[in-house]
Amino acid sequence: MSQFFLLGTSACHLCEQAEALLVSLNISYSKIDIAEQEQYQANYAVKIPVLLSPDEQHELCWPFDKDKLINFQHIIAY
């Protein structure tokens, strides 16, 4: 399965919670700090943490839980 992108910023407690949830479910992801990526700032500054699909066509905005993450994975897989 492809790797997701977790958009956030450093010292964001919600981003840390989202990351812990991803780790607990063994979901492969790469972190992107939107403070360092101008193309994401305008769209995601007030939405983080956000999980993006590998093709960046689908997003899952916080708050999300185990069930929402699993459902998101299944949607992206098809």
C-alpha atoms as a PDB file:
ATOM      1  CA  MET A   1       0.000   0.000   0.000  1.00  0.00           C
ATOM      2  CA  SER A   2       1.184   3.519  -0.724  1.00  0.00           C
ATOM      3  CA  GLN A   3       2.377   5.892   1.907  1.00  0.00           C
ATOM      4  CA  PHE A   4       0.175   8.717   3.163  1.00  0.00           C
ATOM      5  CA  PHE A   5       1.245  12.269   3.977  1.00  0.00           C
ATOM      6  CA  LEU A   6       0.560  13.738   7.409  1.00  0.00           C
ATOM      7  CA  LEU A   7       0.438  17.521   7.230  1.00  0.00           C
ATOM      8  CA  GLY A   8       1.109  19.438  10.422  1.00  0.00           C
ATOM      9  CA  THR A   9       3.550  21.669  12.226  1.00  0.00           C
ATOM     10  CA  SER A  10       6.080  21.166  14.974  1.00  0.00           C
ATOM     11  CA  ALA A  11       4.816  21.515  18.548  1.00  0.00           C
ATOM     12  CA  CYS A  12       1.218  20.818  17.453  1.00  0.00           C
ATOM     13  CA  HIS A  13      -0.361  18.578  20.087  1.00  0.00           C
ATOM     14  CA  LEU A  14      -3.158  17.526  17.724  1.00  0.00           C
ATOM     15  CA  CYS A  15      -0.570  16.541  15.127  1.00  0.00           C
ATOM     16  CA  GLU A  16       1.184  14.444  17.766  1.00  0.00           C
ATOM     17  CA  GLN A  17      -2.112  12.704  18.569  1.00  0.00           C
ATOM     18  CA  ALA A  18      -2.751  12.004  14.889  1.00  0.00           C
ATOM     19  CA  GLU A  19       0.761  10.638  14.473  1.00  0.00           C
ATOM     20  CA  ALA A  20       0.356   8.349  17.496  1.00  0.00           C
ATOM     21  CA  LEU A  21      -2.872   7.001  16.028  1.00  0.00           C
ATOM     22  CA  LEU A  22      -1.198   6.313  12.675  1.00  0.00           C
ATOM     23  CA  VAL A  23       1.650   4.508  14.421  1.00  0.00           C
ATOM     24  CA  SER A  24      -0.745   2.438  16.535  1.00  0.00           C
ATOM     25  CA  LEU A  25      -2.503   1.259  13.357  1.00  0.00           C
ATOM     26  CA  ASN A  26       0.795   0.647  11.545  1.00  0.00           C
ATOM     27  CA  ILE A  27      -0.143   3.056   8.754  1.00  0.00           C
ATOM     28  CA  SER A  28       2.804   4.133   6.633  1.00  0.00           C
ATOM     29  CA  TYR A  29       3.150   7.915   6.337  1.00  0.00           C
ATOM     30  CA  SER A  30       5.548  10.776   5.780  1.00  0.00           C
ATOM     31  CA  LYS A  31       5.320  13.964   7.796  1.00  0.00           C
ATOM     32  CA  ILE A  32       5.164  17.299   6.026  1.00  0.00           C
ATOM     33  CA  ASP A  33       5.636  20.461   8.064  1.00  0.00           C
ATOM     34  CA  ILE A  34       3.399  23.021   6.364  1.00  0.00           C
ATOM     35  CA  ALA A  35       5.465  25.850   7.869  1.00  0.00           C
ATOM     36  CA  GLU A  36       8.260  24.704   5.547  1.00  0.00           C
ATOM     37  CA  GLN A  37       6.032  24.006   2.528  1.00  0.00           C
ATOM     38  CA  GLU A  38       4.391  27.155   1.208  1.00  0.00           C
ATOM     39  CA  GLN A  39       2.102  25.273  -1.200  1.00  0.00           C
ATOM     40  CA  TYR A  40       0.252  23.715   1.761  1.00  0.00           C
ATOM     41  CA  GLN A  41      -0.008  26.748   4.052  1.00  0.00           C
ATOM     42  CA  ALA A  42      -2.978  28.491   2.446  1.00  0.00           C
ATOM     43  CA  ASN A  43      -5.129  25.377   2.228  1.00  0.00           C
ATOM     44  CA  TYR A  44      -4.247  23.600   5.448  1.00  0.00           C
ATOM     45  CA  ALA A  45      -3.106  26.130   8.070  1.00  0.00           C
ATOM     46  CA  VAL A  46      -6.379  25.950  10.021  1.00  0.00           C
ATOM     47  CA  LYS A  47      -7.151  22.286   9.218  1.00  0.00           C
ATOM     48  CA  ILE A  48      -4.084  20.461  10.546  1.00  0.00           C
ATOM     49  CA  PRO A  49      -3.464  17.714  11.166  1.00  0.00           C
ATOM     50  CA  VAL A  50      -4.530  16.440   7.767  1.00  0.00           C
ATOM     51  CA  LEU A  51      -3.876  13.053   6.243  1.00  0.00           C
ATOM     52  CA  LEU A  52      -3.444  13.187   2.460  1.00  0.00           C
ATOM     53  CA  SER A  53      -3.734  10.253   0.108  1.00  0.00           C
ATOM     54  CA  PRO A  54      -0.601   9.322  -1.849  1.00  0.00           C
ATOM     55  CA  ASP A  55      -1.970  11.055  -4.957  1.00  0.00           C
ATOM     56  CA  GLU A  56      -3.000  14.094  -2.833  1.00  0.00           C
ATOM     57  CA  GLN A  57      -6.533  13.889  -4.228  1.00  0.00           C
ATOM     58  CA  HIS A  58      -8.214  12.880  -0.955  1.00  0.00           C
ATOM     59  CA  GLU A  59      -7.803  14.315   2.521  1.00  0.00           C
ATOM     60  CA  LEU A  60      -8.892  13.389   6.004  1.00  0.00           C
ATOM     61  CA  CYS A  61      -8.977  16.360   8.365  1.00  0.00           C
ATOM     62  CA  TRP A  62      -8.800  16.247  12.135  1.00  0.00           C
ATOM     63  CA  PRO A  63     -10.543  15.085  14.190  1.00  0.00           C
ATOM     64  CA  PHE A  64     -10.270  11.484  13.051  1.00  0.00           C
ATOM     65  CA  ASP A  65     -10.232   8.234  14.953  1.00  0.00           C
ATOM     66  CA  LYS A  66      -9.370   4.604  14.299  1.00  0.00           C
ATOM     67  CA  ASP A  67     -12.598   3.878  12.412  1.00  0.00           C
ATOM     68  CA  LYS A  68     -12.290   6.953  10.187  1.00  0.00           C
ATOM     69  CA  LEU A  69      -8.676   6.088   9.379  1.00  0.00           C
ATOM     70  CA  ILE A  70      -9.537   2.518   8.450  1.00  0.00           C
ATOM     71  CA  ASN A  71     -12.416   3.710   6.275  1.00  0.00           C
ATOM     72  CA  PHE A  72     -10.150   6.290   4.620  1.00  0.00           C
ATOM     73  CA  GLN A  73      -7.601   3.575   3.803  1.00  0.00           C
ATOM     74  CA  HIS A  74     -10.295   1.430   2.212  1.00  0.00           C
ATOM     75  CA  ILE A  75     -11.621   4.314   0.112  1.00  0.00           C
ATOM     76  CA  ILE A  76      -8.131   5.113  -1.178  1.00  0.00           C
ATOM     77  CA  ALA A  77      -7.410   1.448  -1.926  1.00  0.00           C
ATOM     78  CA  TYR A  78     -10.283   1.319  -4.445  1.00  0.00           C
END
